[in-house]
Amino acid sequence: MLRERITTLKIHFGDPRIDPRLAARPQMLPTVSPSAKFRAFENPILIWQYVQEIREQLSQYGFGDSPIYVHATCSLNGRPLYPIIDPNVDLAKAPARLLRPPDWLVPLPDGLTG
């Protein structure tokens, strides 16, 4: 079965001091290989794990308590982009549940299936 999936991901930091520091010191963020980005950034749980890594990395620079928000969208088979993660949730502090979907996960709109 063929499927086309297009995803977007933008990370926002609650502390306005972080963006200028990241511009000057990009090594503050964890590195991800291009192939891992391709797979990981379309999976909400892997996005959550990446945010946890960012939080850990930022804590080494004194920004571990900064809120981290994610704007992640997905389009399946040419349909419009829709959010997959609630952009109002601080993903750095949000729990990930193993046996049921987390509260920050946005359900698929009616009529869409993977």
N, C-alpha and C. Protein backbone atom coordinates (compact mmCIF):
# COMPACT_ATOMS: atom_id res chain seq x y z
N MET A 1 0.84 -1.16 0.00
CA MET A 1 0.00 0.00 0.00
C MET A 1 0.90 1.24 0.00
N LEU A 2 0.65 2.15 -0.89
CA LEU A 2 1.41 3.38 -0.95
C LEU A 2 0.73 4.45 -0.11
N ARG A 3 1.56 5.29 0.46
CA ARG A 3 1.03 6.37 1.29
C ARG A 3 1.99 7.54 1.20
N GLU A 4 1.42 8.73 1.07
CA GLU A 4 2.24 9.94 1.09
C GLU A 4 1.96 10.67 2.39
N ARG A 5 3.01 10.97 3.12
CA ARG A 5 2.87 11.69 4.38
C ARG A 5 3.83 12.87 4.36
N ILE A 6 3.29 14.05 4.60
CA ILE A 6 4.11 15.26 4.68
C ILE A 6 3.95 15.79 6.10
N THR A 7 5.08 16.07 6.74
CA THR A 7 5.03 16.58 8.11
C THR A 7 5.83 17.87 8.23
N THR A 8 5.44 18.69 9.18
CA THR A 8 6.20 19.89 9.53
C THR A 8 6.41 19.88 11.03
N LEU A 9 7.51 20.47 11.44
CA LEU A 9 7.82 20.52 12.87
C LEU A 9 8.52 21.83 13.17
N LYS A 10 8.01 22.55 14.16
CA LYS A 10 8.64 23.78 14.62
C LYS A 10 8.63 23.75 16.13
N ILE A 11 9.78 24.02 16.72
CA ILE A 11 9.93 23.99 18.17
C ILE A 11 10.03 25.43 18.66
N HIS A 12 9.22 25.75 19.68
CA HIS A 12 9.21 27.08 20.29
C HIS A 12 9.65 26.94 21.75
N PHE A 13 10.46 27.87 22.19
CA PHE A 13 10.94 27.85 23.57
C PHE A 13 10.23 28.93 24.37
N GLY A 14 9.83 28.60 25.59
CA GLY A 14 9.13 29.55 26.45
C GLY A 14 10.04 30.65 26.98
N ASP A 15 11.33 30.42 27.01
CA ASP A 15 12.29 31.42 27.47
C ASP A 15 12.86 32.14 26.26
N PRO A 16 12.61 33.45 26.11
CA PRO A 16 13.08 34.16 24.92
C PRO A 16 14.60 34.27 24.81
N ARG A 17 15.32 33.95 25.87
CA ARG A 17 16.79 34.00 25.82
C ARG A 17 17.39 32.81 25.08
N ILE A 18 16.61 31.76 24.86
CA ILE A 18 17.16 30.54 24.28
C ILE A 18 17.45 30.70 22.79
N ASP A 19 16.52 31.26 22.01
CA ASP A 19 16.72 31.36 20.56
C ASP A 19 18.01 32.08 20.17
N PRO A 20 18.34 33.25 20.75
CA PRO A 20 19.61 33.88 20.39
C PRO A 20 20.83 33.03 20.77
N ARG A 21 20.73 32.33 21.89
CA ARG A 21 21.86 31.47 22.29
C ARG A 21 22.01 30.29 21.35
N LEU A 22 20.89 29.73 20.88
CA LEU A 22 20.97 28.61 19.94
C LEU A 22 21.54 29.06 18.60
N ALA A 23 21.22 30.30 18.21
CA ALA A 23 21.78 30.82 16.96
C ALA A 23 23.30 30.93 17.06
N ALA A 24 23.79 31.32 18.23
CA ALA A 24 25.22 31.46 18.43
C ALA A 24 25.92 30.14 18.74
N ARG A 25 25.18 29.22 19.38
CA ARG A 25 25.75 27.93 19.80
C ARG A 25 24.82 26.79 19.42
N PRO A 26 24.76 26.40 18.15
CA PRO A 26 23.83 25.34 17.76
C PRO A 26 24.14 23.99 18.40
N GLN A 27 25.35 23.84 18.93
CA GLN A 27 25.69 22.57 19.59
C GLN A 27 24.91 22.36 20.89
N MET A 28 24.16 23.38 21.32
CA MET A 28 23.33 23.22 22.51
C MET A 28 22.20 22.23 22.27
N LEU A 29 21.82 22.02 21.02
CA LEU A 29 20.75 21.08 20.70
C LEU A 29 21.32 19.71 20.37
N PRO A 30 20.60 18.64 20.70
CA PRO A 30 21.05 17.30 20.32
C PRO A 30 21.07 17.16 18.81
N THR A 31 22.03 16.43 18.29
CA THR A 31 22.11 16.21 16.85
C THR A 31 21.30 14.99 16.46
N VAL A 32 20.71 15.07 15.29
CA VAL A 32 19.90 13.98 14.75
C VAL A 32 20.31 13.79 13.30
N SER A 33 20.53 12.54 12.92
CA SER A 33 20.92 12.26 11.54
C SER A 33 19.75 12.55 10.60
N PRO A 34 20.04 12.85 9.32
CA PRO A 34 18.94 13.12 8.38
C PRO A 34 17.94 11.96 8.26
N SER A 35 18.43 10.72 8.28
CA SER A 35 17.49 9.59 8.17
C SER A 35 16.64 9.46 9.42
N ALA A 36 17.22 9.75 10.59
CA ALA A 36 16.43 9.69 11.82
C ALA A 36 15.40 10.81 11.85
N LYS A 37 15.75 12.00 11.35
CA LYS A 37 14.78 13.09 11.28
C LYS A 37 13.60 12.70 10.42
N PHE A 38 13.88 12.05 9.30
CA PHE A 38 12.82 11.65 8.38
C PHE A 38 11.81 10.74 9.07
N ARG A 39 12.31 9.78 9.85
CA ARG A 39 11.43 8.83 10.54
C ARG A 39 10.84 9.42 11.81
N ALA A 40 11.67 10.07 12.59
CA ALA A 40 11.25 10.49 13.92
C ALA A 40 10.25 11.63 13.91
N PHE A 41 10.40 12.58 13.01
CA PHE A 41 9.58 13.77 13.09
C PHE A 41 8.19 13.58 12.50
N GLU A 42 7.85 12.36 12.11
CA GLU A 42 6.46 12.08 11.75
C GLU A 42 5.78 11.22 12.81
N ASN A 43 6.50 10.91 13.88
CA ASN A 43 5.98 10.08 14.95
C ASN A 43 5.90 10.92 16.23
N PRO A 44 4.70 11.18 16.76
CA PRO A 44 4.57 12.05 17.93
C PRO A 44 5.36 11.59 19.16
N ILE A 45 5.44 10.29 19.38
CA ILE A 45 6.18 9.80 20.55
C ILE A 45 7.68 10.06 20.37
N LEU A 46 8.18 9.90 19.16
CA LEU A 46 9.60 10.19 18.91
C LEU A 46 9.88 11.69 18.98
N ILE A 47 8.92 12.51 18.60
CA ILE A 47 9.06 13.96 18.78
C ILE A 47 9.15 14.27 20.27
N TRP A 48 8.29 13.65 21.06
CA TRP A 48 8.32 13.83 22.51
C TRP A 48 9.69 13.43 23.07
N GLN A 49 10.24 12.31 22.60
CA GLN A 49 11.55 11.87 23.06
C GLN A 49 12.64 12.88 22.69
N TYR A 50 12.55 13.46 21.49
CA TYR A 50 13.52 14.46 21.07
C TYR A 50 13.42 15.70 21.96
N VAL A 51 12.21 16.11 22.31
CA VAL A 51 12.03 17.26 23.20
C VAL A 51 12.64 16.96 24.57
N GLN A 52 12.52 15.72 25.04
CA GLN A 52 13.14 15.35 26.31
C GLN A 52 14.66 15.47 26.22
N GLU A 53 15.22 15.09 25.09
CA GLU A 53 16.67 15.24 24.88
C GLU A 53 17.06 16.72 24.85
N ILE A 54 16.24 17.55 24.21
CA ILE A 54 16.51 18.99 24.19
C ILE A 54 16.51 19.54 25.60
N ARG A 55 15.50 19.13 26.39
CA ARG A 55 15.41 19.60 27.78
C ARG A 55 16.66 19.21 28.57
N GLU A 56 17.10 17.98 28.40
CA GLU A 56 18.31 17.52 29.09
C GLU A 56 19.52 18.33 28.65
N GLN A 57 19.65 18.57 27.37
CA GLN A 57 20.77 19.32 26.84
C GLN A 57 20.75 20.76 27.36
N LEU A 58 19.57 21.39 27.33
CA LEU A 58 19.45 22.77 27.79
C LEU A 58 19.72 22.89 29.29
N SER A 59 19.44 21.84 30.05
CA SER A 59 19.69 21.90 31.49
C SER A 59 21.18 22.06 31.78
N GLN A 60 22.03 21.60 30.89
CA GLN A 60 23.47 21.77 31.06
C GLN A 60 23.88 23.24 30.93
N TYR A 61 23.03 24.05 30.30
CA TYR A 61 23.30 25.47 30.10
C TYR A 61 22.43 26.36 30.99
N GLY A 62 21.73 25.74 31.95
CA GLY A 62 20.91 26.50 32.88
C GLY A 62 19.50 26.80 32.40
N PHE A 63 19.03 26.13 31.35
CA PHE A 63 17.70 26.38 30.82
C PHE A 63 16.80 25.14 30.92
N GLY A 64 17.07 24.25 31.83
CA GLY A 64 16.33 22.99 31.93
C GLY A 64 14.86 23.13 32.26
N ASP A 65 14.48 24.24 32.89
CA ASP A 65 13.08 24.43 33.28
C ASP A 65 12.27 25.20 32.25
N SER A 66 12.89 25.56 31.14
CA SER A 66 12.20 26.35 30.11
C SER A 66 11.12 25.51 29.43
N PRO A 67 9.93 26.07 29.26
CA PRO A 67 8.89 25.35 28.51
C PRO A 67 9.30 25.16 27.05
N ILE A 68 8.92 24.04 26.49
CA ILE A 68 9.19 23.74 25.09
C ILE A 68 7.86 23.34 24.44
N TYR A 69 7.48 24.10 23.42
CA TYR A 69 6.23 23.85 22.71
C TYR A 69 6.55 23.39 21.30
N VAL A 70 5.70 22.54 20.77
CA VAL A 70 5.92 21.98 19.44
C VAL A 70 4.70 22.25 18.57
N HIS A 71 4.96 22.74 17.37
CA HIS A 71 3.91 22.87 16.37
C HIS A 71 4.22 21.82 15.30
N ALA A 72 3.55 20.69 15.37
CA ALA A 72 3.77 19.59 14.43
C ALA A 72 2.48 19.34 13.65
N THR A 73 2.61 19.27 12.33
CA THR A 73 1.45 19.01 11.49
C THR A 73 1.76 17.85 10.55
N CYS A 74 0.69 17.27 10.01
CA CYS A 74 0.83 16.13 9.12
C CYS A 74 -0.24 16.20 8.03
N SER A 75 0.12 15.76 6.85
CA SER A 75 -0.82 15.62 5.74
C SER A 75 -0.70 14.21 5.20
N LEU A 76 -1.81 13.53 5.09
CA LEU A 76 -1.83 12.17 4.54
C LEU A 76 -2.45 12.17 3.15
N ASN A 77 -1.73 11.64 2.20
CA ASN A 77 -2.23 11.46 0.83
C ASN A 77 -2.83 12.72 0.23
N GLY A 78 -2.14 13.84 0.37
CA GLY A 78 -2.56 15.08 -0.25
C GLY A 78 -3.65 15.84 0.48
N ARG A 79 -4.07 15.37 1.63
CA ARG A 79 -5.08 16.08 2.41
C ARG A 79 -4.45 17.30 3.07
N PRO A 80 -5.27 18.22 3.59
CA PRO A 80 -4.71 19.41 4.26
C PRO A 80 -3.89 19.02 5.50
N LEU A 81 -2.93 19.88 5.84
CA LEU A 81 -2.16 19.68 7.07
C LEU A 81 -3.07 19.83 8.28
N TYR A 82 -2.87 18.99 9.27
CA TYR A 82 -3.61 19.07 10.51
C TYR A 82 -2.63 18.87 11.66
N PRO A 83 -2.91 19.45 12.83
CA PRO A 83 -1.98 19.29 13.96
C PRO A 83 -2.02 17.88 14.51
N ILE A 84 -0.85 17.40 14.93
CA ILE A 84 -0.78 16.07 15.55
C ILE A 84 -0.43 16.16 17.03
N ILE A 85 0.10 17.33 17.45
CA ILE A 85 0.45 17.57 18.85
C ILE A 85 -0.16 18.90 19.25
N ASP A 86 -0.75 18.94 20.43
CA ASP A 86 -1.36 20.18 20.93
C ASP A 86 -0.25 21.23 21.12
N PRO A 87 -0.28 22.33 20.36
CA PRO A 87 0.80 23.32 20.45
C PRO A 87 0.79 24.13 21.74
N ASN A 88 -0.25 23.99 22.57
CA ASN A 88 -0.33 24.73 23.83
C ASN A 88 0.23 23.95 25.01
N VAL A 89 0.69 22.73 24.78
CA VAL A 89 1.20 21.89 25.85
C VAL A 89 2.72 22.01 25.91
N ASP A 90 3.24 22.22 27.13
CA ASP A 90 4.69 22.21 27.35
C ASP A 90 5.14 20.76 27.25
N LEU A 91 5.66 20.39 26.10
CA LEU A 91 6.02 18.99 25.84
C LEU A 91 7.20 18.54 26.69
N ALA A 92 8.00 19.48 27.19
CA ALA A 92 9.13 19.12 28.04
C ALA A 92 8.67 18.53 29.37
N LYS A 93 7.49 18.94 29.81
CA LYS A 93 6.97 18.46 31.10
C LYS A 93 5.79 17.49 30.93
N ALA A 94 5.34 17.29 29.71
CA ALA A 94 4.19 16.41 29.47
C ALA A 94 4.61 14.94 29.58
N PRO A 95 3.76 14.13 30.21
CA PRO A 95 4.08 12.70 30.29
C PRO A 95 3.73 11.98 28.99
N ALA A 96 4.43 10.90 28.74
CA ALA A 96 4.10 10.01 27.62
C ALA A 96 3.62 8.70 28.24
N ARG A 97 2.44 8.29 27.87
CA ARG A 97 1.87 7.07 28.43
C ARG A 97 2.15 5.90 27.49
N LEU A 98 2.36 4.74 28.07
CA LEU A 98 2.66 3.57 27.26
C LEU A 98 1.42 2.82 26.81
N LEU A 99 0.39 2.80 27.63
CA LEU A 99 -0.75 1.95 27.33
C LEU A 99 -1.96 2.68 26.78
N ARG A 100 -1.91 3.99 26.72
CA ARG A 100 -3.00 4.75 26.11
C ARG A 100 -2.42 6.04 25.52
N PRO A 101 -3.13 6.65 24.59
CA PRO A 101 -2.60 7.86 23.95
C PRO A 101 -2.44 8.99 24.97
N PRO A 102 -1.36 9.75 24.86
CA PRO A 102 -1.18 10.88 25.78
C PRO A 102 -2.20 11.98 25.51
N ASP A 103 -2.44 12.81 26.53
CA ASP A 103 -3.42 13.89 26.41
C ASP A 103 -3.02 14.94 25.38
N TRP A 104 -1.72 15.11 25.13
CA TRP A 104 -1.23 16.14 24.21
C TRP A 104 -1.31 15.72 22.75
N LEU A 105 -1.67 14.49 22.50
CA LEU A 105 -1.80 13.99 21.13
C LEU A 105 -3.16 14.40 20.58
N VAL A 106 -3.18 15.05 19.42
CA VAL A 106 -4.43 15.50 18.81
C VAL A 106 -4.99 14.37 17.96
N PRO A 107 -6.25 13.98 18.15
CA PRO A 107 -6.82 12.90 17.35
C PRO A 107 -6.98 13.31 15.88
N LEU A 108 -6.98 12.32 15.01
CA LEU A 108 -7.19 12.56 13.58
C LEU A 108 -8.56 13.18 13.35
N PRO A 109 -8.65 14.11 12.41
CA PRO A 109 -9.97 14.65 12.07
C PRO A 109 -10.87 13.54 11.51
N ASP A 110 -12.16 13.72 11.59
CA ASP A 110 -13.11 12.72 11.06
C ASP A 110 -12.81 12.40 9.61
N GLY A 111 -12.84 11.14 9.27
CA GLY A 111 -12.66 10.71 7.89
C GLY A 111 -11.22 10.46 7.49
N LEU A 112 -10.25 10.74 8.37
CA LEU A 112 -8.85 10.49 8.03
C LEU A 112 -8.36 9.25 8.75
N THR A 113 -7.69 8.41 8.01
CA THR A 113 -7.03 7.25 8.62
C THR A 113 -5.65 7.15 7.99
N GLY A 114 -4.72 6.54 8.75
CA GLY A 114 -3.32 6.46 8.32
C GLY A 114 -3.12 5.57 7.19
